């Protein structure tokens, strides 16, 4: 089922304001539980985790920054 433009905007806002900070806290917590890895390995893990979080939400974020395609066009 495809989400409407308004629901995609709302879900993207929820994901960015609630989900992303929770994901960051979880990633930092898990890395702190491990023994301190070398700096290059820690940086690599943060880069990979920074990219991976957005992949499942690609469909939600797609086209959110553009104008509403269902909105009426102004006459003129």
C-alpha atoms as a PDB file:
ATOM      1  CA  UNK A   1       0.000   0.000   0.000  1.00  0.00           C
ATOM      2  CA  UNK A   2       1.456   3.348  -1.035  1.00  0.00           C
ATOM      3  CA  UNK A   3       1.487   6.190   1.433  1.00  0.00           C
ATOM      4  CA  UNK A   4      -0.017   9.529   0.516  1.00  0.00           C
ATOM      5  CA  UNK A   5       2.170  12.609   0.318  1.00  0.00           C
ATOM      6  CA  UNK A   6       0.885  13.963   3.657  1.00  0.00           C
ATOM      7  CA  UNK A   7       1.434  10.696   5.482  1.00  0.00           C
ATOM      8  CA  UNK A   8       4.957  10.372   4.038  1.00  0.00           C
ATOM      9  CA  UNK A   9       5.746  13.886   5.298  1.00  0.00           C
ATOM     10  CA  UNK A  10       4.410  13.062   8.753  1.00  0.00           C
ATOM     11  CA  UNK A  11       6.233   9.736   8.954  1.00  0.00           C
ATOM     12  CA  UNK A  12       9.486  11.304   7.765  1.00  0.00           C
ATOM     13  CA  UNK A  13       9.185  13.912  10.512  1.00  0.00           C
ATOM     14  CA  UNK A  14       8.570  11.228  13.146  1.00  0.00           C
ATOM     15  CA  UNK A  15      11.503   9.191  11.846  1.00  0.00           C
ATOM     16  CA  UNK A  16      13.857  12.165  11.906  1.00  0.00           C
ATOM     17  CA  UNK A  17      12.767  13.588  15.277  1.00  0.00           C
ATOM     18  CA  UNK A  18      12.235  10.361  17.227  1.00  0.00           C
ATOM     19  CA  UNK A  19      13.725   7.438  15.331  1.00  0.00           C
ATOM     20  CA  UNK A  20      17.069   8.899  14.325  1.00  0.00           C
ATOM     21  CA  UNK A  21      18.058  10.121  17.817  1.00  0.00           C
ATOM     22  CA  UNK A  22      17.014   6.760  19.268  1.00  0.00           C
ATOM     23  CA  UNK A  23      19.105   4.977  16.616  1.00  0.00           C
ATOM     24  CA  UNK A  24      22.115   7.194  17.402  1.00  0.00           C
ATOM     25  CA  UNK A  25      21.829   6.485  21.134  1.00  0.00           C
ATOM     26  CA  UNK A  26      21.532   2.749  20.448  1.00  0.00           C
ATOM     27  CA  UNK A  27      24.558   2.734  18.116  1.00  0.00           C
ATOM     28  CA  UNK A  28      26.737   4.663  20.585  1.00  0.00           C
ATOM     29  CA  UNK A  29      25.606   2.451  23.470  1.00  0.00           C
ATOM     30  CA  UNK A  30      26.431  -0.753  21.602  1.00  0.00           C
ATOM     31  CA  UNK A  31      29.844   0.579  20.573  1.00  0.00           C
ATOM     32  CA  UNK A  32      30.562   1.594  24.184  1.00  0.00           C
ATOM     33  CA  UNK A  33      29.745  -1.925  25.409  1.00  0.00           C
ATOM     34  CA  UNK A  34      32.468  -3.309  23.171  1.00  0.00           C
ATOM     35  CA  UNK A  35      36.099  -2.893  24.060  1.00  0.00           C
ATOM     36  CA  UNK A  36      37.369   0.338  22.588  1.00  0.00           C
ATOM     37  CA  UNK A  37      38.197  -0.506  18.946  1.00  0.00           C
ATOM     38  CA  UNK A  38      40.881   1.394  17.032  1.00  0.00           C
ATOM     39  CA  UNK A  39      39.830   4.853  15.884  1.00  0.00           C
ATOM     40  CA  UNK A  40      39.696   3.880  12.194  1.00  0.00           C
ATOM     41  CA  UNK A  41      37.447   0.894  12.959  1.00  0.00           C
ATOM     42  CA  UNK A  42      35.156   2.979  15.152  1.00  0.00           C
ATOM     43  CA  UNK A  43      34.905   5.641  12.451  1.00  0.00           C
ATOM     44  CA  UNK A  44      34.124   2.979   9.843  1.00  0.00           C
ATOM     45  CA  UNK A  45      31.355   1.511  12.023  1.00  0.00           C
ATOM     46  CA  UNK A  46      29.780   4.948  12.533  1.00  0.00           C
ATOM     47  CA  UNK A  47      29.900   5.685   8.790  1.00  0.00           C
ATOM     48  CA  UNK A  48      28.310   2.339   7.913  1.00  0.00           C
ATOM     49  CA  UNK A  49      25.621   2.723  10.576  1.00  0.00           C
ATOM     50  CA  UNK A  50      25.000   6.294   9.405  1.00  0.00           C
ATOM     51  CA  UNK A  51      24.175   5.067   5.919  1.00  0.00           C
ATOM     52  CA  UNK A  52      22.330   1.881   6.849  1.00  0.00           C
ATOM     53  CA  UNK A  53      19.649   3.585   8.978  1.00  0.00           C
ATOM     54  CA  UNK A  54      18.176   5.406   5.964  1.00  0.00           C
ATOM     55  CA  UNK A  55      17.897   2.447   3.587  1.00  0.00           C
ATOM     56  CA  UNK A  56      14.651   1.008   4.997  1.00  0.00           C
ATOM     57  CA  UNK A  57      13.047   4.468   4.909  1.00  0.00           C
ATOM     58  CA  UNK A  58      13.977   5.343   1.333  1.00  0.00           C
ATOM     59  CA  UNK A  59      10.363   5.091   0.139  1.00  0.00           C
ATOM     60  CA  UNK A  60       9.143   7.330   2.970  1.00  0.00           C
ATOM     61  CA  UNK A  61      11.660  10.101   2.272  1.00  0.00           C
ATOM     62  CA  UNK A  62      11.332  10.003  -1.521  1.00  0.00           C
ATOM     63  CA  UNK A  63       9.827  13.252  -2.839  1.00  0.00           C
ATOM     64  CA  UNK A  64       9.048  14.738   0.567  1.00  0.00           C
ATOM     65  CA  UNK A  65      11.013  17.930  -0.132  1.00  0.00           C
ATOM     66  CA  UNK A  66       9.081  18.652  -3.324  1.00  0.00           C
ATOM     67  CA  UNK A  67       5.719  20.334  -3.696  1.00  0.00           C
ATOM     68  CA  UNK A  68       2.594  18.289  -3.025  1.00  0.00           C
ATOM     69  CA  UNK A  69       1.731  16.539  -6.302  1.00  0.00           C
ATOM     70  CA  UNK A  70      -1.935  16.243  -5.266  1.00  0.00           C
ATOM     71  CA  UNK A  71      -2.370  19.940  -4.451  1.00  0.00           C
ATOM     72  CA  UNK A  72      -4.422  22.081  -6.780  1.00  0.00           C
ATOM     73  CA  UNK A  73      -2.435  24.249  -9.158  1.00  0.00           C
ATOM     74  CA  UNK A  74      -3.038  27.996  -8.762  1.00  0.00           C
ATOM     75  CA  UNK A  75      -4.707  29.605 -11.775  1.00  0.00           C
ATOM     76  CA  UNK A  76      -2.539  32.108 -13.505  1.00  0.00           C
END
